[in-house]
């Protein structure tokens, strides 16, 4: 990771922690703010993928995946942004869906690391199980406002802490001669 990327990662992590703490102070308004933020973020990433497809990926093998991902993200972002006034159920479903995808990725990574006899598989499996527990809590407390907001905020703080750890981790630089 370059020095510039490290600085931006650290700044982004601190903003994420501050934003999550602010959302925890006003949970009754937090779902609308989260819905607008998720919608805006998905639209930006969708446009980014579409621009990448139009400039580079259309000439690559498998480049149509960038088009598909960009269109899905753009569509999901516009949808999330338009239903912000009915944000309660939609935002909780987005939170549960994000944790479900994260759980699947962590479990797949843990299985692969265990096959490779890597010691980090236990951490990945624990994160996967933790994400599944968060999905179940989101579904159980779907009709409550405060619990899903706290789940989202705690996961945002956790992700920001992981970003800080990765920013301060030493990386090897490989020189090709």
C-alpha atoms as a PDB file:
ATOM      1  CA  UNK A   1       0.000   0.000   0.000  1.00  0.00           C
ATOM      2  CA  UNK A   2       1.392   3.371  -0.967  1.00  0.00           C
ATOM      3  CA  UNK A   3       1.788   6.192   1.533  1.00  0.00           C
ATOM      4  CA  UNK A   4      -1.010   8.172  -0.077  1.00  0.00           C
ATOM      5  CA  UNK A   5      -3.352   5.169   0.092  1.00  0.00           C
ATOM      6  CA  UNK A   6      -2.416   4.677   3.756  1.00  0.00           C
ATOM      7  CA  UNK A   7      -3.251   8.302   4.584  1.00  0.00           C
ATOM      8  CA  UNK A   8      -6.608   8.140   2.786  1.00  0.00           C
ATOM      9  CA  UNK A   9      -7.399   4.827   4.480  1.00  0.00           C
ATOM     10  CA  UNK A  10      -6.658   6.297   7.913  1.00  0.00           C
ATOM     11  CA  UNK A  11      -8.739   9.419   7.199  1.00  0.00           C
ATOM     12  CA  UNK A  12     -11.622   7.313   5.866  1.00  0.00           C
ATOM     13  CA  UNK A  13     -11.517   5.038   8.903  1.00  0.00           C
ATOM     14  CA  UNK A  14     -11.687   7.991  11.308  1.00  0.00           C
ATOM     15  CA  UNK A  15     -14.635   9.478   9.389  1.00  0.00           C
ATOM     16  CA  UNK A  16     -16.384   6.090   9.466  1.00  0.00           C
ATOM     17  CA  UNK A  17     -15.937   5.819  13.231  1.00  0.00           C
ATOM     18  CA  UNK A  18     -17.192   9.371  13.794  1.00  0.00           C
ATOM     19  CA  UNK A  19     -20.157   8.832  11.484  1.00  0.00           C
ATOM     20  CA  UNK A  20     -21.116   5.608  13.231  1.00  0.00           C
ATOM     21  CA  UNK A  21     -20.927   7.255  16.649  1.00  0.00           C
ATOM     22  CA  UNK A  22     -23.110  10.140  15.424  1.00  0.00           C
ATOM     23  CA  UNK A  23     -25.668   7.690  14.019  1.00  0.00           C
ATOM     24  CA  UNK A  24     -25.751   5.860  17.357  1.00  0.00           C
ATOM     25  CA  UNK A  25     -26.741   9.120  19.073  1.00  0.00           C
ATOM     26  CA  UNK A  26     -29.843   9.595  16.874  1.00  0.00           C
ATOM     27  CA  UNK A  27     -31.080   6.110  15.887  1.00  0.00           C
ATOM     28  CA  UNK A  28     -34.565   7.313  14.896  1.00  0.00           C
ATOM     29  CA  UNK A  29     -33.117   9.339  12.013  1.00  0.00           C
ATOM     30  CA  UNK A  30     -30.232   7.006  11.296  1.00  0.00           C
ATOM     31  CA  UNK A  31     -32.101   4.644   8.954  1.00  0.00           C
ATOM     32  CA  UNK A  32     -32.954   7.449   6.536  1.00  0.00           C
ATOM     33  CA  UNK A  33     -29.367   8.716   6.632  1.00  0.00           C
ATOM     34  CA  UNK A  34     -28.038   5.193   6.089  1.00  0.00           C
ATOM     35  CA  UNK A  35     -30.443   4.637   3.170  1.00  0.00           C
ATOM     36  CA  UNK A  36     -29.373   7.865   1.476  1.00  0.00           C
ATOM     37  CA  UNK A  37     -25.695   7.108   2.137  1.00  0.00           C
ATOM     38  CA  UNK A  38     -25.954   3.542   0.829  1.00  0.00           C
ATOM     39  CA  UNK A  39     -27.855   4.745  -2.232  1.00  0.00           C
ATOM     40  CA  UNK A  40     -25.312   7.469  -2.968  1.00  0.00           C
ATOM     41  CA  UNK A  41     -22.379   5.085  -2.488  1.00  0.00           C
ATOM     42  CA  UNK A  42     -23.897   2.424  -4.734  1.00  0.00           C
ATOM     43  CA  UNK A  43     -24.616   4.989  -7.463  1.00  0.00           C
ATOM     44  CA  UNK A  44     -21.020   6.274  -7.323  1.00  0.00           C
ATOM     45  CA  UNK A  45     -19.568   2.748  -7.478  1.00  0.00           C
ATOM     46  CA  UNK A  46     -21.986   1.789 -10.262  1.00  0.00           C
ATOM     47  CA  UNK A  47     -20.922   4.781 -12.340  1.00  0.00           C
ATOM     48  CA  UNK A  48     -17.273   3.994 -11.588  1.00  0.00           C
ATOM     49  CA  UNK A  49     -17.676   0.410 -12.857  1.00  0.00           C
ATOM     50  CA  UNK A  50     -19.549   1.586 -15.956  1.00  0.00           C
ATOM     51  CA  UNK A  51     -16.848   4.134 -16.779  1.00  0.00           C
ATOM     52  CA  UNK A  52     -14.205   1.443 -16.279  1.00  0.00           C
ATOM     53  CA  UNK A  53     -16.130  -0.845 -18.604  1.00  0.00           C
ATOM     54  CA  UNK A  54     -16.448   1.830 -21.291  1.00  0.00           C
ATOM     55  CA  UNK A  55     -12.791   2.865 -21.115  1.00  0.00           C
ATOM     56  CA  UNK A  56     -10.956  -0.426 -20.534  1.00  0.00           C
ATOM     57  CA  UNK A  57     -12.935  -3.551 -19.695  1.00  0.00           C
ATOM     58  CA  UNK A  58     -14.917  -3.884 -22.917  1.00  0.00           C
ATOM     59  CA  UNK A  59     -11.718  -5.009 -24.626  1.00  0.00           C
ATOM     60  CA  UNK A  60     -10.795  -7.505 -21.897  1.00  0.00           C
ATOM     61  CA  UNK A  61     -11.679 -11.151 -21.516  1.00  0.00           C
ATOM     62  CA  UNK A  62     -14.533 -11.265 -19.046  1.00  0.00           C
ATOM     63  CA  UNK A  63     -14.976  -7.506 -19.214  1.00  0.00           C
ATOM     64  CA  UNK A  64     -18.753  -7.771 -19.443  1.00  0.00           C
ATOM     65  CA  UNK A  65     -18.764  -8.624 -15.735  1.00  0.00           C
ATOM     66  CA  UNK A  66     -17.822  -5.011 -15.030  1.00  0.00           C
ATOM     67  CA  UNK A  67     -20.809  -3.883 -17.083  1.00  0.00           C
ATOM     68  CA  UNK A  68     -23.113  -6.238 -15.185  1.00  0.00           C
ATOM     69  CA  UNK A  69     -21.752  -5.257 -11.767  1.00  0.00           C
ATOM     70  CA  UNK A  70     -21.954  -1.562 -12.666  1.00  0.00           C
ATOM     71  CA  UNK A  71     -25.558  -1.811 -13.824  1.00  0.00           C
ATOM     72  CA  UNK A  72     -26.628  -3.794 -10.750  1.00  0.00           C
ATOM     73  CA  UNK A  73     -24.902  -1.365  -8.375  1.00  0.00           C
ATOM     74  CA  UNK A  74     -26.338   1.658 -10.177  1.00  0.00           C
ATOM     75  CA  UNK A  75     -29.832   0.159 -10.116  1.00  0.00           C
ATOM     76  CA  UNK A  76     -29.590  -0.817  -6.445  1.00  0.00           C
ATOM     77  CA  UNK A  77     -28.273   2.649  -5.561  1.00  0.00           C
ATOM     78  CA  UNK A  78     -31.076   4.456  -7.368  1.00  0.00           C
ATOM     79  CA  UNK A  79     -33.601   2.130  -5.738  1.00  0.00           C
ATOM     80  CA  UNK A  80     -32.122   2.661  -2.258  1.00  0.00           C
ATOM     81  CA  UNK A  81     -32.072   6.412  -2.796  1.00  0.00           C
ATOM     82  CA  UNK A  82     -35.695   6.603  -3.895  1.00  0.00           C
ATOM     83  CA  UNK A  83     -37.173   4.632  -1.002  1.00  0.00           C
ATOM     84  CA  UNK A  84     -35.386   6.519   1.769  1.00  0.00           C
ATOM     85  CA  UNK A  85     -38.727   7.645   3.248  1.00  0.00           C
ATOM     86  CA  UNK A  86     -39.712   3.980   3.648  1.00  0.00           C
ATOM     87  CA  UNK A  87     -36.198   3.210   4.720  1.00  0.00           C
ATOM     88  CA  UNK A  88     -36.823   1.029   7.726  1.00  0.00           C
ATOM     89  CA  UNK A  89     -37.346  -2.356   6.115  1.00  0.00           C
ATOM     90  CA  UNK A  90     -35.201  -1.674   3.045  1.00  0.00           C
ATOM     91  CA  UNK A  91     -32.218  -0.504   5.053  1.00  0.00           C
ATOM     92  CA  UNK A  92     -32.458  -3.442   7.416  1.00  0.00           C
ATOM     93  CA  UNK A  93     -32.571  -5.779   4.399  1.00  0.00           C
ATOM     94  CA  UNK A  94     -29.514  -4.042   2.926  1.00  0.00           C
ATOM     95  CA  UNK A  95     -27.677  -4.416   6.240  1.00  0.00           C
ATOM     96  CA  UNK A  96     -28.643  -8.094   6.493  1.00  0.00           C
ATOM     97  CA  UNK A  97     -27.706  -8.701   2.849  1.00  0.00           C
ATOM     98  CA  UNK A  98     -24.307  -7.068   3.264  1.00  0.00           C
ATOM     99  CA  UNK A  99     -23.568  -9.182   6.322  1.00  0.00           C
ATOM    100  CA  UNK A 100     -24.777 -12.310   4.560  1.00  0.00           C
ATOM    101  CA  UNK A 101     -22.421 -11.675   1.634  1.00  0.00           C
ATOM    102  CA  UNK A 102     -19.613 -10.941   4.077  1.00  0.00           C
ATOM    103  CA  UNK A 103     -20.333 -14.165   5.952  1.00  0.00           C
ATOM    104  CA  UNK A 104     -20.240 -16.182   2.747  1.00  0.00           C
ATOM    105  CA  UNK A 105     -16.948 -14.642   1.679  1.00  0.00           C
ATOM    106  CA  UNK A 106     -15.383 -15.196   5.105  1.00  0.00           C
ATOM    107  CA  UNK A 107     -16.480 -18.831   5.234  1.00  0.00           C
ATOM    108  CA  UNK A 108     -15.225 -19.524   1.704  1.00  0.00           C
ATOM    109  CA  UNK A 109     -11.911 -17.859   2.583  1.00  0.00           C
ATOM    110  CA  UNK A 110     -11.702 -19.905   5.807  1.00  0.00           C
ATOM    111  CA  UNK A 111     -12.270 -23.168   3.947  1.00  0.00           C
ATOM    112  CA  UNK A 112      -9.589 -22.259   1.394  1.00  0.00           C
ATOM    113  CA  UNK A 113      -7.130 -21.247   4.098  1.00  0.00           C
ATOM    114  CA  UNK A 114      -7.761 -24.478   5.995  1.00  0.00           C
ATOM    115  CA  UNK A 115      -7.049 -26.520   2.857  1.00  0.00           C
ATOM    116  CA  UNK A 116      -3.788 -24.595   2.450  1.00  0.00           C
ATOM    117  CA  UNK A 117      -2.929 -25.232   6.139  1.00  0.00           C
ATOM    118  CA  UNK A 118      -2.963 -21.494   6.845  1.00  0.00           C
ATOM    119  CA  UNK A 119      -3.362 -20.546  10.510  1.00  0.00           C
ATOM    120  CA  UNK A 120      -5.703 -17.637   9.729  1.00  0.00           C
ATOM    121  CA  UNK A 121      -8.676 -19.819   8.869  1.00  0.00           C
ATOM    122  CA  UNK A 122     -10.024 -19.668  12.429  1.00  0.00           C
ATOM    123  CA  UNK A 123     -10.242 -15.887  12.321  1.00  0.00           C
ATOM    124  CA  UNK A 124     -12.064 -15.935   8.991  1.00  0.00           C
ATOM    125  CA  UNK A 125     -14.474 -18.597  10.234  1.00  0.00           C
ATOM    126  CA  UNK A 126     -15.153 -16.589  13.404  1.00  0.00           C
ATOM    127  CA  UNK A 127     -15.866 -13.481  11.327  1.00  0.00           C
ATOM    128  CA  UNK A 128     -18.200 -15.498   9.093  1.00  0.00           C
ATOM    129  CA  UNK A 129     -20.103 -16.893  12.066  1.00  0.00           C
ATOM    130  CA  UNK A 130     -20.255 -13.399  13.582  1.00  0.00           C
ATOM    131  CA  UNK A 131     -21.731 -12.027  10.359  1.00  0.00           C
ATOM    132  CA  UNK A 132     -24.337 -14.805  10.311  1.00  0.00           C
ATOM    133  CA  UNK A 133     -25.280 -13.910  13.895  1.00  0.00           C
ATOM    134  CA  UNK A 134     -25.652 -10.258  12.839  1.00  0.00           C
ATOM    135  CA  UNK A 135     -27.932 -11.318   9.951  1.00  0.00           C
ATOM    136  CA  UNK A 136     -30.099 -13.299  12.347  1.00  0.00           C
ATOM    137  CA  UNK A 137     -30.253 -10.354  14.771  1.00  0.00           C
ATOM    138  CA  UNK A 138     -31.268  -8.025  11.921  1.00  0.00           C
ATOM    139  CA  UNK A 139     -34.058 -10.384  10.885  1.00  0.00           C
ATOM    140  CA  UNK A 140     -35.251 -11.009  14.454  1.00  0.00           C
ATOM    141  CA  UNK A 141     -35.334  -7.297  15.357  1.00  0.00           C
ATOM    142  CA  UNK A 142     -36.561  -6.077  11.947  1.00  0.00           C
ATOM    143  CA  UNK A 143     -39.517  -4.225  13.431  1.00  0.00           C
ATOM    144  CA  UNK A 144     -37.338  -2.407  15.949  1.00  0.00           C
ATOM    145  CA  UNK A 145     -35.369   0.640  14.867  1.00  0.00           C
ATOM    146  CA  UNK A 146     -32.585   0.862  17.408  1.00  0.00           C
ATOM    147  CA  UNK A 147     -31.073  -2.657  17.255  1.00  0.00           C
ATOM    148  CA  UNK A 148     -30.386  -2.697  13.450  1.00  0.00           C
ATOM    149  CA  UNK A 149     -28.907   0.809  13.677  1.00  0.00           C
ATOM    150  CA  UNK A 150     -26.547  -0.343  16.426  1.00  0.00           C
ATOM    151  CA  UNK A 151     -25.674  -3.455  14.395  1.00  0.00           C
ATOM    152  CA  UNK A 152     -24.835  -1.273  11.400  1.00  0.00           C
ATOM    153  CA  UNK A 153     -22.823   1.183  13.490  1.00  0.00           C
ATOM    154  CA  UNK A 154     -20.880  -1.535  15.297  1.00  0.00           C
ATOM    155  CA  UNK A 155     -20.057  -3.226  11.992  1.00  0.00           C
ATOM    156  CA  UNK A 156     -18.955   0.134  10.544  1.00  0.00           C
ATOM    157  CA  UNK A 157     -16.675   0.730  13.528  1.00  0.00           C
ATOM    158  CA  UNK A 158     -15.324  -2.820  13.235  1.00  0.00           C
ATOM    159  CA  UNK A 159     -14.607  -2.326   9.521  1.00  0.00           C
ATOM    160  CA  UNK A 160     -12.908   1.003  10.252  1.00  0.00           C
ATOM    161  CA  UNK A 161     -10.692  -0.658  12.857  1.00  0.00           C
ATOM    162  CA  UNK A 162      -9.731  -3.322  10.302  1.00  0.00           C
ATOM    163  CA  UNK A 163      -8.929  -0.532   7.833  1.00  0.00           C
ATOM    164  CA  UNK A 164      -6.668   1.115  10.414  1.00  0.00           C
ATOM    165  CA  UNK A 165      -4.899  -2.179  11.104  1.00  0.00           C
ATOM    166  CA  UNK A 166      -4.299  -2.768   7.395  1.00  0.00           C
ATOM    167  CA  UNK A 167      -3.053   0.808   6.966  1.00  0.00           C
ATOM    168  CA  UNK A 168      -0.433   0.399   9.684  1.00  0.00           C
ATOM    169  CA  UNK A 169       0.611  -3.100   8.649  1.00  0.00           C
ATOM    170  CA  UNK A 170       4.019  -3.416   7.046  1.00  0.00           C
ATOM    171  CA  UNK A 171       3.929  -4.563   3.440  1.00  0.00           C
ATOM    172  CA  UNK A 172       6.721  -6.111   1.494  1.00  0.00           C
ATOM    173  CA  UNK A 173       7.947  -4.313  -1.587  1.00  0.00           C
ATOM    174  CA  UNK A 174       9.052  -6.576  -4.400  1.00  0.00           C
ATOM    175  CA  UNK A 175      11.559  -5.157  -6.848  1.00  0.00           C
ATOM    176  CA  UNK A 176      11.783  -6.755 -10.278  1.00  0.00           C
ATOM    177  CA  UNK A 177      15.168  -6.488 -11.911  1.00  0.00           C
END
